[in-house]
Amino acid sequence: MNFLITEAQYRLLTEEKIKCKCGHSWDKEVDDKYPYLCHECGWDQKEKKYNKKELKKFWDNYKNK
């Protein structure tokens, strides 16, 4: 049996809310290279360690937009 769903319904089914230990939370984005990286403190929920290098890249990229 096949079902047709809208893009919004697909996102509700596949995306998840991620909460960091610092209290910041966000929706997981499918196209994000580091979807579990907290952009507030640099904690990677999946790796269970800080990733300050990718956090710096994110903010450097963000500032240049």
PDB file of N, CA and C in Angstrom:
ATOM      1  N   MET A   1       0.848  -1.174   0.000  1.00  0.00           N
ATOM      2  CA  MET A   1       0.000   0.000   0.000  1.00  0.00           C
ATOM      3  C   MET A   1       0.894   1.238   0.000  1.00  0.00           C
ATOM      4  N   ASN A   2       0.603   2.185  -0.831  1.00  0.00           N
ATOM      5  CA  ASN A   2       1.356   3.437  -0.903  1.00  0.00           C
ATOM      6  C   ASN A   2       0.526   4.585  -0.351  1.00  0.00           C
ATOM      7  N   PHE A   3       1.223   5.541   0.253  1.00  0.00           N
ATOM      8  CA  PHE A   3       0.571   6.728   0.784  1.00  0.00           C
ATOM      9  C   PHE A   3       1.223   7.958   0.188  1.00  0.00           C
ATOM     10  N   LEU A   4       0.438   8.956  -0.091  1.00  0.00           N
ATOM     11  CA  LEU A   4       0.961  10.249  -0.510  1.00  0.00           C
ATOM     12  C   LEU A   4       0.864  11.190   0.675  1.00  0.00           C
ATOM     13  N   ILE A   5       1.986  11.854   0.978  1.00  0.00           N
ATOM     14  CA  ILE A   5       1.980  12.819   2.073  1.00  0.00           C
ATOM     15  C   ILE A   5       2.594  14.124   1.582  1.00  0.00           C
ATOM     16  N   THR A   6       2.274  15.185   2.258  1.00  0.00           N
ATOM     17  CA  THR A   6       2.824  16.481   1.895  1.00  0.00           C
ATOM     18  C   THR A   6       4.246  16.596   2.430  1.00  0.00           C
ATOM     19  N   GLU A   7       4.968  17.591   1.941  1.00  0.00           N
ATOM     20  CA  GLU A   7       6.327  17.831   2.438  1.00  0.00           C
ATOM     21  C   GLU A   7       6.313  18.156   3.928  1.00  0.00           C
ATOM     22  N   ALA A   8       5.336  18.921   4.359  1.00  0.00           N
ATOM     23  CA  ALA A   8       5.229  19.265   5.787  1.00  0.00           C
ATOM     24  C   ALA A   8       5.010  18.015   6.638  1.00  0.00           C
ATOM     25  N   GLN A   9       4.180  17.098   6.152  1.00  0.00           N
ATOM     26  CA  GLN A   9       3.960  15.852   6.880  1.00  0.00           C
ATOM     27  C   GLN A   9       5.228  15.007   6.917  1.00  0.00           C
ATOM     28  N   TYR A  10       5.954  14.983   5.815  1.00  0.00           N
ATOM     29  CA  TYR A  10       7.210  14.242   5.756  1.00  0.00           C
ATOM     30  C   TYR A  10       8.200  14.778   6.793  1.00  0.00           C
ATOM     31  N   ARG A  11       8.296  16.093   6.869  1.00  0.00           N
ATOM     32  CA  ARG A  11       9.215  16.699   7.850  1.00  0.00           C
ATOM     33  C   ARG A  11       8.827  16.354   9.277  1.00  0.00           C
ATOM     34  N   LEU A  12       7.538  16.353   9.563  1.00  0.00           N
ATOM     35  CA  LEU A  12       7.093  15.989  10.906  1.00  0.00           C
ATOM     36  C   LEU A  12       7.474  14.554  11.253  1.00  0.00           C
ATOM     37  N   LEU A  13       7.457  13.688  10.248  1.00  0.00           N
ATOM     38  CA  LEU A  13       7.788  12.283  10.473  1.00  0.00           C
ATOM     39  C   LEU A  13       9.288  12.028  10.558  1.00  0.00           C
ATOM     40  N   THR A  14      10.089  12.799   9.827  1.00  0.00           N
ATOM     41  CA  THR A  14      11.511  12.492   9.723  1.00  0.00           C
ATOM     42  C   THR A  14      12.415  13.397  10.542  1.00  0.00           C
ATOM     43  N   GLU A  15      11.970  14.589  10.828  1.00  0.00           N
ATOM     44  CA  GLU A  15      12.817  15.497  11.591  1.00  0.00           C
ATOM     45  C   GLU A  15      12.539  15.326  13.077  1.00  0.00           C
ATOM     46  N   GLU A  16      13.521  15.639  13.839  1.00  0.00           N
ATOM     47  CA  GLU A  16      13.367  15.487  15.272  1.00  0.00           C
ATOM     48  C   GLU A  16      13.867  16.736  15.987  1.00  0.00           C
ATOM     49  N   LYS A  17      13.334  16.975  17.163  1.00  0.00           N
ATOM     50  CA  LYS A  17      13.761  18.090  17.990  1.00  0.00           C
ATOM     51  C   LYS A  17      14.968  17.619  18.800  1.00  0.00           C
ATOM     52  N   ILE A  18      16.026  18.397  18.782  1.00  0.00           N
ATOM     53  CA  ILE A  18      17.247  18.049  19.503  1.00  0.00           C
ATOM     54  C   ILE A  18      17.428  19.053  20.623  1.00  0.00           C
ATOM     55  N   LYS A  19      17.743  18.573  21.807  1.00  0.00           N
ATOM     56  CA  LYS A  19      17.959  19.446  22.956  1.00  0.00           C
ATOM     57  C   LYS A  19      19.357  19.215  23.493  1.00  0.00           C
ATOM     58  N   CYS A  20      20.083  20.303  23.640  1.00  0.00           N
ATOM     59  CA  CYS A  20      21.451  20.246  24.146  1.00  0.00           C
ATOM     60  C   CYS A  20      21.460  20.299  25.669  1.00  0.00           C
ATOM     61  N   LYS A  21      22.560  19.870  26.230  1.00  0.00           N
ATOM     62  CA  LYS A  21      22.689  19.910  27.687  1.00  0.00           C
ATOM     63  C   LYS A  21      22.776  21.344  28.214  1.00  0.00           C
ATOM     64  N   CYS A  22      23.052  22.320  27.314  1.00  0.00           N
ATOM     65  CA  CYS A  22      23.090  23.724  27.736  1.00  0.00           C
ATOM     66  C   CYS A  22      21.693  24.344  27.765  1.00  0.00           C
ATOM     67  N   GLY A  23      20.692  23.586  27.269  1.00  0.00           N
ATOM     68  CA  GLY A  23      19.312  24.073  27.279  1.00  0.00           C
ATOM     69  C   GLY A  23      18.812  24.538  25.924  1.00  0.00           C
ATOM     70  N   HIS A  24      19.715  24.777  24.984  1.00  0.00           N
ATOM     71  CA  HIS A  24      19.325  25.197  23.634  1.00  0.00           C
ATOM     72  C   HIS A  24      18.701  24.007  22.907  1.00  0.00           C
ATOM     73  N   SER A  25      17.666  24.261  22.095  1.00  0.00           N
ATOM     74  CA  SER A  25      17.059  23.181  21.314  1.00  0.00           C
ATOM     75  C   SER A  25      16.801  23.668  19.895  1.00  0.00           C
ATOM     76  N   TRP A  26      16.724  22.708  18.967  1.00  0.00           N
ATOM     77  CA  TRP A  26      16.533  23.032  17.560  1.00  0.00           C
ATOM     78  C   TRP A  26      15.962  21.824  16.842  1.00  0.00           C
ATOM     79  N   ASP A  27      15.449  22.094  15.639  1.00  0.00           N
ATOM     80  CA  ASP A  27      14.955  21.018  14.788  1.00  0.00           C
ATOM     81  C   ASP A  27      16.107  20.473  13.961  1.00  0.00           C
ATOM     82  N   LYS A  28      16.180  19.171  13.858  1.00  0.00           N
ATOM     83  CA  LYS A  28      17.204  18.530  13.037  1.00  0.00           C
ATOM     84  C   LYS A  28      16.929  18.856  11.576  1.00  0.00           C
ATOM     85  N   GLU A  29      17.953  19.311  10.873  1.00  0.00           N
ATOM     86  CA  GLU A  29      17.818  19.632   9.461  1.00  0.00           C
ATOM     87  C   GLU A  29      18.523  18.558   8.645  1.00  0.00           C
ATOM     88  N   VAL A  30      17.823  18.015   7.677  1.00  0.00           N
ATOM     89  CA  VAL A  30      18.322  16.900   6.882  1.00  0.00           C
ATOM     90  C   VAL A  30      19.603  17.259   6.134  1.00  0.00           C
ATOM     91  N   ASP A  31      19.697  18.473   5.607  1.00  0.00           N
ATOM     92  CA  ASP A  31      20.849  18.871   4.793  1.00  0.00           C
ATOM     93  C   ASP A  31      22.047  19.361   5.611  1.00  0.00           C
ATOM     94  N   ASP A  32      21.917  19.426   6.922  1.00  0.00           N
ATOM     95  CA  ASP A  32      22.981  19.936   7.785  1.00  0.00           C
ATOM     96  C   ASP A  32      24.094  18.898   7.925  1.00  0.00           C
ATOM     97  N   LYS A  33      25.341  19.329   7.710  1.00  0.00           N
ATOM     98  CA  LYS A  33      26.492  18.427   7.838  1.00  0.00           C
ATOM     99  C   LYS A  33      26.649  17.939   9.281  1.00  0.00           C
ATOM    100  N   TYR A  34      26.352  18.800  10.236  1.00  0.00           N
ATOM    101  CA  TYR A  34      26.439  18.463  11.659  1.00  0.00           C
ATOM    102  C   TYR A  34      25.099  18.784  12.333  1.00  0.00           C
ATOM    103  N   PRO A  35      24.067  17.972  12.089  1.00  0.00           N
ATOM    104  CA  PRO A  35      22.739  18.303  12.621  1.00  0.00           C
ATOM    105  C   PRO A  35      22.627  18.228  14.145  1.00  0.00           C
ATOM    106  N   TYR A  36      23.561  17.556  14.790  1.00  0.00           N
ATOM    107  CA  TYR A  36      23.504  17.413  16.243  1.00  0.00           C
ATOM    108  C   TYR A  36      24.405  18.412  16.966  1.00  0.00           C
ATOM    109  N   LEU A  37      25.033  19.335  16.232  1.00  0.00           N
ATOM    110  CA  LEU A  37      25.939  20.326  16.815  1.00  0.00           C
ATOM    111  C   LEU A  37      25.146  21.514  17.340  1.00  0.00           C
ATOM    112  N   CYS A  38      25.300  21.805  18.608  1.00  0.00           N
ATOM    113  CA  CYS A  38      24.652  22.966  19.216  1.00  0.00           C
ATOM    114  C   CYS A  38      25.387  24.225  18.781  1.00  0.00           C
ATOM    115  N   HIS A  39      24.657  25.179  18.194  1.00  0.00           N
ATOM    116  CA  HIS A  39      25.277  26.411  17.726  1.00  0.00           C
ATOM    117  C   HIS A  39      25.428  27.442  18.841  1.00  0.00           C
ATOM    118  N   GLU A  40      25.022  27.077  20.048  1.00  0.00           N
ATOM    119  CA  GLU A  40      25.211  27.940  21.206  1.00  0.00           C
ATOM    120  C   GLU A  40      26.518  27.618  21.942  1.00  0.00           C
ATOM    121  N   CYS A  41      26.753  26.319  22.202  1.00  0.00           N
ATOM    122  CA  CYS A  41      27.911  25.954  23.026  1.00  0.00           C
ATOM    123  C   CYS A  41      28.918  25.040  22.326  1.00  0.00           C
ATOM    124  N   GLY A  42      28.531  24.425  21.193  1.00  0.00           N
ATOM    125  CA  GLY A  42      29.456  23.560  20.469  1.00  0.00           C
ATOM    126  C   GLY A  42      29.393  22.090  20.835  1.00  0.00           C
ATOM    127  N   TRP A  43      28.450  21.702  21.687  1.00  0.00           N
ATOM    128  CA  TRP A  43      28.309  20.298  22.074  1.00  0.00           C
ATOM    129  C   TRP A  43      27.658  19.519  20.944  1.00  0.00           C
ATOM    130  N   ASP A  44      28.224  18.377  20.578  1.00  0.00           N
ATOM    131  CA  ASP A  44      27.658  17.509  19.553  1.00  0.00           C
ATOM    132  C   ASP A  44      26.921  16.378  20.260  1.00  0.00           C
ATOM    133  N   GLN A  45      25.597  16.389  20.156  1.00  0.00           N
ATOM    134  CA  GLN A  45      24.763  15.402  20.844  1.00  0.00           C
ATOM    135  C   GLN A  45      25.050  13.972  20.391  1.00  0.00           C
ATOM    136  N   LYS A  46      25.394  13.778  19.138  1.00  0.00           N
ATOM    137  CA  LYS A  46      25.641  12.431  18.624  1.00  0.00           C
ATOM    138  C   LYS A  46      27.004  11.912  19.070  1.00  0.00           C
ATOM    139  N   GLU A  47      28.027  12.757  18.972  1.00  0.00           N
ATOM    140  CA  GLU A  47      29.394  12.351  19.328  1.00  0.00           C
ATOM    141  C   GLU A  47      29.656  12.430  20.827  1.00  0.00           C
ATOM    142  N   LYS A  48      28.800  13.134  21.538  1.00  0.00           N
ATOM    143  CA  LYS A  48      28.940  13.326  22.998  1.00  0.00           C
ATOM    144  C   LYS A  48      30.266  13.997  23.368  1.00  0.00           C
ATOM    145  N   LYS A  49      30.606  15.023  22.574  1.00  0.00           N
ATOM    146  CA  LYS A  49      31.801  15.815  22.872  1.00  0.00           C
ATOM    147  C   LYS A  49      31.649  17.183  22.217  1.00  0.00           C
ATOM    148  N   TYR A  50      32.483  18.135  22.667  1.00  0.00           N
ATOM    149  CA  TYR A  50      32.456  19.470  22.088  1.00  0.00           C
ATOM    150  C   TYR A  50      33.175  19.468  20.744  1.00  0.00           C
ATOM    151  N   ASN A  51      32.660  20.252  19.805  1.00  0.00           N
ATOM    152  CA  ASN A  51      33.268  20.388  18.489  1.00  0.00           C
ATOM    153  C   ASN A  51      33.396  21.886  18.212  1.00  0.00           C
ATOM    154  N   LYS A  52      34.348  22.504  18.888  1.00  0.00           N
ATOM    155  CA  LYS A  52      34.541  23.956  18.788  1.00  0.00           C
ATOM    156  C   LYS A  52      34.981  24.372  17.386  1.00  0.00           C
ATOM    157  N   LYS A  53      35.684  23.487  16.671  1.00  0.00           N
ATOM    158  CA  LYS A  53      36.149  23.805  15.320  1.00  0.00           C
ATOM    159  C   LYS A  53      34.957  24.034  14.385  1.00  0.00           C
ATOM    160  N   GLU A  54      33.985  23.127  14.408  1.00  0.00           N
ATOM    161  CA  GLU A  54      32.807  23.276  13.542  1.00  0.00           C
ATOM    162  C   GLU A  54      31.907  24.410  14.010  1.00  0.00           C
ATOM    163  N   LEU A  55      31.864  24.648  15.316  1.00  0.00           N
ATOM    164  CA  LEU A  55      31.091  25.773  15.843  1.00  0.00           C
ATOM    165  C   LEU A  55      31.660  27.090  15.315  1.00  0.00           C
ATOM    166  N   LYS A  56      32.991  27.222  15.331  1.00  0.00           N
ATOM    167  CA  LYS A  56      33.630  28.428  14.812  1.00  0.00           C
ATOM    168  C   LYS A  56      33.344  28.591  13.323  1.00  0.00           C
ATOM    169  N   LYS A  57      33.420  27.485  12.558  1.00  0.00           N
ATOM    170  CA  LYS A  57      33.117  27.547  11.129  1.00  0.00           C
ATOM    171  C   LYS A  57      31.685  28.028  10.899  1.00  0.00           C
ATOM    172  N   PHE A  58      30.746  27.517  11.700  1.00  0.00           N
ATOM    173  CA  PHE A  58      29.354  27.916  11.566  1.00  0.00           C
ATOM    174  C   PHE A  58      29.210  29.418  11.769  1.00  0.00           C
ATOM    175  N   TRP A  59      29.777  29.941  12.865  1.00  0.00           N
ATOM    176  CA  TRP A  59      29.611  31.371  13.164  1.00  0.00           C
ATOM    177  C   TRP A  59      30.363  32.245  12.179  1.00  0.00           C
ATOM    178  N   ASP A  60      31.521  31.803  11.711  1.00  0.00           N
ATOM    179  CA  ASP A  60      32.248  32.567  10.687  1.00  0.00           C
ATOM    180  C   ASP A  60      31.427  32.629   9.408  1.00  0.00           C
ATOM    181  N   ASN A  61      30.811  31.527   9.034  1.00  0.00           N
ATOM    182  CA  ASN A  61      29.960  31.462   7.852  1.00  0.00           C
ATOM    183  C   ASN A  61      28.719  32.326   8.023  1.00  0.00           C
ATOM    184  N   TYR A  62      28.123  32.261   9.200  1.00  0.00           N
ATOM    185  CA  TYR A  62      26.899  32.998   9.522  1.00  0.00           C
ATOM    186  C   TYR A  62      27.127  34.502   9.442  1.00  0.00           C
ATOM    187  N   LYS A  63      28.261  34.953   9.949  1.00  0.00           N
ATOM    188  CA  LYS A  63      28.590  36.384   9.950  1.00  0.00           C
ATOM    189  C   LYS A  63      28.838  36.908   8.544  1.00  0.00           C
ATOM    190  N   ASN A  64      29.299  36.049   7.657  1.00  0.00           N
ATOM    191  CA  ASN A  64      29.643  36.474   6.294  1.00  0.00           C
ATOM    192  C   ASN A  64      28.443  36.450   5.348  1.00  0.00           C
ATOM    193  N   LYS A  65      27.264  36.110   5.824  1.00  0.00           N
ATOM    194  CA  LYS A  65      26.080  36.066   4.956  1.00  0.00           C
ATOM    195  C   LYS A  65      25.432  37.422   4.874  1.00  0.00           C
TER     196      LYS A  65
END
